[in-house]
Amino acid sequence: MYEEDRVILCVSNSYEKRYFLNEDFESLPELVKAELKAFSVLFTEDVGGIFVIGFNEDGELFFEVQADEGDILYDEIGSHLKIKQIQKEKQELLEALESYFRTFFM
């Protein structure tokens, strides 16, 4: 899935209770795909909304959270804290994903 100058890696949606991995990344090791799914789904279970992970035009990962305007259960502050936690705890994985993307997609 491509949007403008960004490539979406995966999306977890708390409203539809669904997880999506871009089919272009099916060649990732199963352990990496499982870890992405686990922390993405846990993210949306904790704070709600829609959690998007992707790559910008420079090959750097980005995290984006979207929420329905009327969603009173969405925790905006919690989402920022959770992203910082993921960036800290999963730093090695995230750096490896950036290297993978730069090697095979750029």
N, C-alpha and C. Protein backbone atom coordinates (compact mmCIF):
# COMPACT_ATOMS: atom_id res chain seq x y z
N MET A 1 0.85 -1.16 0.00
CA MET A 1 0.00 0.00 0.00
C MET A 1 0.90 1.23 0.00
N TYR A 2 0.68 2.08 -0.96
CA TYR A 2 1.49 3.27 -1.11
C TYR A 2 0.58 4.49 -1.06
N GLU A 3 1.03 5.51 -0.37
CA GLU A 3 0.29 6.76 -0.32
C GLU A 3 1.28 7.89 -0.46
N GLU A 4 1.09 8.69 -1.47
CA GLU A 4 1.98 9.81 -1.77
C GLU A 4 3.43 9.35 -1.72
N ASP A 5 4.22 9.91 -0.79
CA ASP A 5 5.62 9.54 -0.69
C ASP A 5 5.87 8.61 0.49
N ARG A 6 4.84 7.87 0.87
CA ARG A 6 4.96 6.98 2.03
C ARG A 6 4.53 5.57 1.64
N VAL A 7 5.13 4.62 2.32
CA VAL A 7 4.76 3.22 2.14
C VAL A 7 4.25 2.70 3.48
N ILE A 8 3.05 2.17 3.49
CA ILE A 8 2.46 1.64 4.71
C ILE A 8 2.99 0.23 4.94
N LEU A 9 3.51 -0.02 6.12
CA LEU A 9 3.99 -1.35 6.51
C LEU A 9 2.84 -2.16 7.07
N CYS A 10 2.17 -1.63 8.09
CA CYS A 10 1.05 -2.35 8.69
C CYS A 10 0.09 -1.38 9.36
N VAL A 11 -1.12 -1.87 9.61
CA VAL A 11 -2.17 -1.08 10.23
C VAL A 11 -2.94 -1.97 11.19
N SER A 12 -3.22 -1.44 12.38
CA SER A 12 -4.10 -2.11 13.32
C SER A 12 -5.28 -1.19 13.59
N ASN A 13 -6.48 -1.72 13.47
CA ASN A 13 -7.69 -0.92 13.57
C ASN A 13 -8.55 -1.43 14.73
N SER A 14 -8.71 -0.61 15.77
CA SER A 14 -9.49 -1.05 16.93
C SER A 14 -10.98 -1.03 16.65
N TYR A 15 -11.42 -0.26 15.68
CA TYR A 15 -12.85 -0.17 15.38
C TYR A 15 -13.36 -1.42 14.68
N GLU A 16 -12.55 -1.92 13.77
CA GLU A 16 -12.94 -3.12 13.01
C GLU A 16 -12.31 -4.38 13.57
N LYS A 17 -11.45 -4.23 14.58
CA LYS A 17 -10.74 -5.38 15.17
C LYS A 17 -9.99 -6.15 14.09
N ARG A 18 -9.20 -5.38 13.29
CA ARG A 18 -8.47 -6.00 12.20
C ARG A 18 -7.03 -5.52 12.20
N TYR A 19 -6.17 -6.37 11.65
CA TYR A 19 -4.75 -6.06 11.46
C TYR A 19 -4.43 -6.33 10.00
N PHE A 20 -3.64 -5.44 9.40
CA PHE A 20 -3.27 -5.57 8.00
C PHE A 20 -1.77 -5.40 7.87
N LEU A 21 -1.14 -6.34 7.18
CA LEU A 21 0.27 -6.23 6.82
C LEU A 21 0.34 -6.08 5.31
N ASN A 22 1.02 -5.03 4.85
CA ASN A 22 1.18 -4.80 3.42
C ASN A 22 1.79 -6.05 2.79
N GLU A 23 1.15 -6.55 1.75
CA GLU A 23 1.61 -7.79 1.11
C GLU A 23 3.02 -7.68 0.54
N ASP A 24 3.49 -6.48 0.30
CA ASP A 24 4.87 -6.30 -0.19
C ASP A 24 5.90 -6.71 0.86
N PHE A 25 5.46 -6.86 2.10
CA PHE A 25 6.38 -7.21 3.19
C PHE A 25 6.18 -8.66 3.68
N GLU A 26 5.52 -9.46 2.88
CA GLU A 26 5.32 -10.87 3.24
C GLU A 26 6.63 -11.64 3.35
N SER A 27 7.69 -11.13 2.72
CA SER A 27 8.98 -11.82 2.76
C SER A 27 9.73 -11.58 4.07
N LEU A 28 9.21 -10.73 4.94
CA LEU A 28 9.83 -10.55 6.26
C LEU A 28 9.80 -11.87 7.02
N PRO A 29 10.77 -12.11 7.87
CA PRO A 29 10.75 -13.33 8.68
C PRO A 29 9.47 -13.41 9.53
N GLU A 30 8.99 -14.62 9.73
CA GLU A 30 7.75 -14.83 10.48
C GLU A 30 7.81 -14.22 11.88
N LEU A 31 8.96 -14.31 12.53
CA LEU A 31 9.12 -13.74 13.87
C LEU A 31 8.92 -12.23 13.85
N VAL A 32 9.44 -11.56 12.85
CA VAL A 32 9.29 -10.11 12.72
C VAL A 32 7.83 -9.75 12.47
N LYS A 33 7.19 -10.50 11.57
CA LYS A 33 5.77 -10.24 11.28
C LYS A 33 4.92 -10.45 12.53
N ALA A 34 5.23 -11.49 13.29
CA ALA A 34 4.48 -11.76 14.51
C ALA A 34 4.68 -10.65 15.55
N GLU A 35 5.90 -10.16 15.66
CA GLU A 35 6.17 -9.10 16.63
C GLU A 35 5.48 -7.80 16.23
N LEU A 36 5.51 -7.47 14.94
CA LEU A 36 4.80 -6.29 14.45
C LEU A 36 3.30 -6.38 14.78
N LYS A 37 2.74 -7.53 14.50
CA LYS A 37 1.31 -7.73 14.76
C LYS A 37 1.03 -7.62 16.26
N ALA A 38 1.85 -8.24 17.07
CA ALA A 38 1.62 -8.24 18.52
C ALA A 38 1.63 -6.82 19.09
N PHE A 39 2.66 -6.05 18.81
CA PHE A 39 2.69 -4.73 19.44
C PHE A 39 1.72 -3.75 18.78
N SER A 40 1.37 -3.96 17.52
CA SER A 40 0.38 -3.09 16.88
C SER A 40 -1.02 -3.32 17.44
N VAL A 41 -1.38 -4.59 17.57
CA VAL A 41 -2.70 -4.92 18.10
C VAL A 41 -2.80 -4.53 19.57
N LEU A 42 -1.74 -4.77 20.34
CA LEU A 42 -1.75 -4.34 21.74
C LEU A 42 -1.88 -2.83 21.86
N PHE A 43 -1.24 -2.11 20.95
CA PHE A 43 -1.34 -0.66 20.94
C PHE A 43 -2.79 -0.22 20.83
N THR A 44 -3.50 -0.75 19.83
CA THR A 44 -4.89 -0.33 19.63
C THR A 44 -5.82 -0.86 20.71
N GLU A 45 -5.48 -1.97 21.32
CA GLU A 45 -6.27 -2.46 22.45
C GLU A 45 -6.12 -1.53 23.66
N ASP A 46 -4.91 -1.00 23.84
CA ASP A 46 -4.64 -0.10 24.97
C ASP A 46 -5.22 1.29 24.79
N VAL A 47 -5.00 1.90 23.63
CA VAL A 47 -5.37 3.31 23.46
C VAL A 47 -6.49 3.55 22.46
N GLY A 48 -6.82 2.55 21.65
CA GLY A 48 -7.89 2.71 20.67
C GLY A 48 -7.38 3.30 19.36
N GLY A 49 -8.32 3.62 18.50
CA GLY A 49 -7.98 4.25 17.23
C GLY A 49 -7.42 3.31 16.19
N ILE A 50 -6.75 3.90 15.24
CA ILE A 50 -6.11 3.18 14.15
C ILE A 50 -4.63 3.51 14.19
N PHE A 51 -3.80 2.48 14.27
CA PHE A 51 -2.35 2.64 14.40
C PHE A 51 -1.70 2.24 13.09
N VAL A 52 -0.96 3.17 12.50
CA VAL A 52 -0.32 2.96 11.20
C VAL A 52 1.19 3.04 11.38
N ILE A 53 1.90 2.06 10.81
CA ILE A 53 3.35 2.07 10.77
C ILE A 53 3.75 2.05 9.30
N GLY A 54 4.67 2.93 8.92
CA GLY A 54 5.10 2.97 7.53
C GLY A 54 6.47 3.60 7.40
N PHE A 55 6.85 3.81 6.16
CA PHE A 55 8.14 4.40 5.84
C PHE A 55 7.92 5.68 5.04
N ASN A 56 8.68 6.72 5.38
CA ASN A 56 8.59 7.95 4.62
C ASN A 56 9.52 7.86 3.41
N GLU A 57 9.60 8.93 2.64
CA GLU A 57 10.40 8.90 1.41
C GLU A 57 11.89 8.73 1.65
N ASP A 58 12.35 8.98 2.88
CA ASP A 58 13.76 8.80 3.22
C ASP A 58 14.05 7.41 3.78
N GLY A 59 13.02 6.56 3.86
CA GLY A 59 13.20 5.21 4.38
C GLY A 59 13.14 5.12 5.89
N GLU A 60 12.68 6.19 6.53
CA GLU A 60 12.56 6.18 7.99
C GLU A 60 11.15 5.76 8.38
N LEU A 61 11.07 5.01 9.47
CA LEU A 61 9.77 4.58 9.97
C LEU A 61 9.00 5.76 10.53
N PHE A 62 7.69 5.72 10.35
CA PHE A 62 6.84 6.69 11.03
C PHE A 62 5.69 5.93 11.69
N PHE A 63 5.17 6.52 12.74
CA PHE A 63 4.01 5.99 13.45
C PHE A 63 2.93 7.05 13.39
N GLU A 64 1.73 6.64 13.09
CA GLU A 64 0.61 7.57 12.99
C GLU A 64 -0.59 6.95 13.67
N VAL A 65 -1.31 7.77 14.40
CA VAL A 65 -2.53 7.30 15.06
C VAL A 65 -3.68 8.17 14.61
N GLN A 66 -4.76 7.52 14.22
CA GLN A 66 -5.98 8.22 13.81
C GLN A 66 -7.11 7.74 14.70
N ALA A 67 -8.04 8.63 14.99
CA ALA A 67 -9.19 8.25 15.80
C ALA A 67 -10.43 8.94 15.26
N ASP A 68 -11.56 8.26 15.37
CA ASP A 68 -12.82 8.87 15.00
C ASP A 68 -13.06 10.08 15.90
N GLU A 69 -13.62 11.12 15.34
CA GLU A 69 -13.83 12.36 16.08
C GLU A 69 -14.66 12.15 17.35
N GLY A 70 -15.63 11.30 17.30
CA GLY A 70 -16.51 11.09 18.45
C GLY A 70 -16.07 9.97 19.38
N ASP A 71 -14.88 9.46 19.20
CA ASP A 71 -14.40 8.34 20.01
C ASP A 71 -13.94 8.83 21.39
N ILE A 72 -14.80 8.68 22.38
CA ILE A 72 -14.46 9.16 23.73
C ILE A 72 -13.53 8.20 24.46
N LEU A 73 -13.35 7.01 23.94
CA LEU A 73 -12.47 6.03 24.59
C LEU A 73 -11.02 6.14 24.11
N TYR A 74 -10.79 6.88 23.02
CA TYR A 74 -9.44 7.03 22.49
C TYR A 74 -8.60 7.85 23.47
N ASP A 75 -7.39 7.37 23.74
CA ASP A 75 -6.48 8.00 24.69
C ASP A 75 -5.32 8.64 23.93
N GLU A 76 -5.44 9.93 23.61
CA GLU A 76 -4.42 10.60 22.81
C GLU A 76 -3.09 10.70 23.53
N ILE A 77 -3.11 11.05 24.80
CA ILE A 77 -1.88 11.14 25.58
C ILE A 77 -1.24 9.75 25.70
N GLY A 78 -2.06 8.76 25.98
CA GLY A 78 -1.56 7.38 26.07
C GLY A 78 -0.93 6.91 24.77
N SER A 79 -1.48 7.37 23.63
CA SER A 79 -0.92 6.94 22.35
C SER A 79 0.50 7.48 22.16
N HIS A 80 0.73 8.72 22.55
CA HIS A 80 2.08 9.29 22.44
C HIS A 80 3.06 8.56 23.35
N LEU A 81 2.61 8.26 24.55
CA LEU A 81 3.47 7.55 25.50
C LEU A 81 3.76 6.13 25.01
N LYS A 82 2.75 5.48 24.45
CA LYS A 82 2.91 4.11 23.96
C LYS A 82 3.88 4.08 22.77
N ILE A 83 3.83 5.08 21.90
CA ILE A 83 4.75 5.13 20.77
C ILE A 83 6.18 5.29 21.26
N LYS A 84 6.39 6.16 22.23
CA LYS A 84 7.74 6.32 22.81
C LYS A 84 8.23 5.02 23.44
N GLN A 85 7.34 4.31 24.10
CA GLN A 85 7.69 3.02 24.70
C GLN A 85 8.10 2.02 23.63
N ILE A 86 7.33 1.95 22.56
CA ILE A 86 7.64 1.03 21.45
C ILE A 86 9.00 1.39 20.84
N GLN A 87 9.23 2.68 20.61
CA GLN A 87 10.50 3.12 20.01
C GLN A 87 11.69 2.75 20.90
N LYS A 88 11.49 2.79 22.19
CA LYS A 88 12.57 2.45 23.12
C LYS A 88 12.77 0.94 23.21
N GLU A 89 11.68 0.21 23.44
CA GLU A 89 11.78 -1.23 23.65
C GLU A 89 12.07 -2.01 22.38
N LYS A 90 11.64 -1.51 21.24
CA LYS A 90 11.79 -2.23 19.97
C LYS A 90 12.80 -1.55 19.05
N GLN A 91 13.72 -0.79 19.62
CA GLN A 91 14.67 -0.01 18.84
C GLN A 91 15.43 -0.86 17.83
N GLU A 92 15.93 -1.99 18.26
CA GLU A 92 16.70 -2.86 17.38
C GLU A 92 15.86 -3.37 16.21
N LEU A 93 14.64 -3.79 16.50
CA LEU A 93 13.74 -4.27 15.45
C LEU A 93 13.42 -3.14 14.47
N LEU A 94 13.13 -1.96 14.98
CA LEU A 94 12.76 -0.83 14.13
C LEU A 94 13.93 -0.41 13.24
N GLU A 95 15.14 -0.41 13.77
CA GLU A 95 16.31 -0.09 12.96
C GLU A 95 16.53 -1.14 11.87
N ALA A 96 16.30 -2.41 12.21
CA ALA A 96 16.45 -3.48 11.22
C ALA A 96 15.40 -3.34 10.11
N LEU A 97 14.19 -2.94 10.47
CA LEU A 97 13.15 -2.73 9.46
C LEU A 97 13.51 -1.59 8.51
N GLU A 98 14.08 -0.52 9.06
CA GLU A 98 14.52 0.59 8.20
C GLU A 98 15.61 0.13 7.25
N SER A 99 16.56 -0.65 7.74
CA SER A 99 17.63 -1.17 6.88
C SER A 99 17.07 -2.08 5.80
N TYR A 100 16.13 -2.93 6.18
CA TYR A 100 15.47 -3.83 5.22
C TYR A 100 14.79 -3.02 4.12
N PHE A 101 14.04 -2.00 4.52
CA PHE A 101 13.32 -1.18 3.55
C PHE A 101 14.28 -0.47 2.61
N ARG A 102 15.33 0.11 3.16
CA ARG A 102 16.30 0.84 2.33
C ARG A 102 17.02 -0.10 1.36
N THR A 103 17.26 -1.33 1.79
CA THR A 103 17.97 -2.30 0.95
C THR A 103 17.09 -2.83 -0.17
N PHE A 104 15.84 -3.18 0.13
CA PHE A 104 15.01 -3.87 -0.85
C PHE A 104 13.99 -2.99 -1.56
N PHE A 105 13.72 -1.80 -1.06
CA PHE A 105 12.67 -0.98 -1.67
C PHE A 105 13.13 0.37 -2.21
N MET A 106 14.33 0.80 -1.84
CA MET A 106 14.78 2.13 -2.30
C MET A 106 15.83 2.00 -3.38
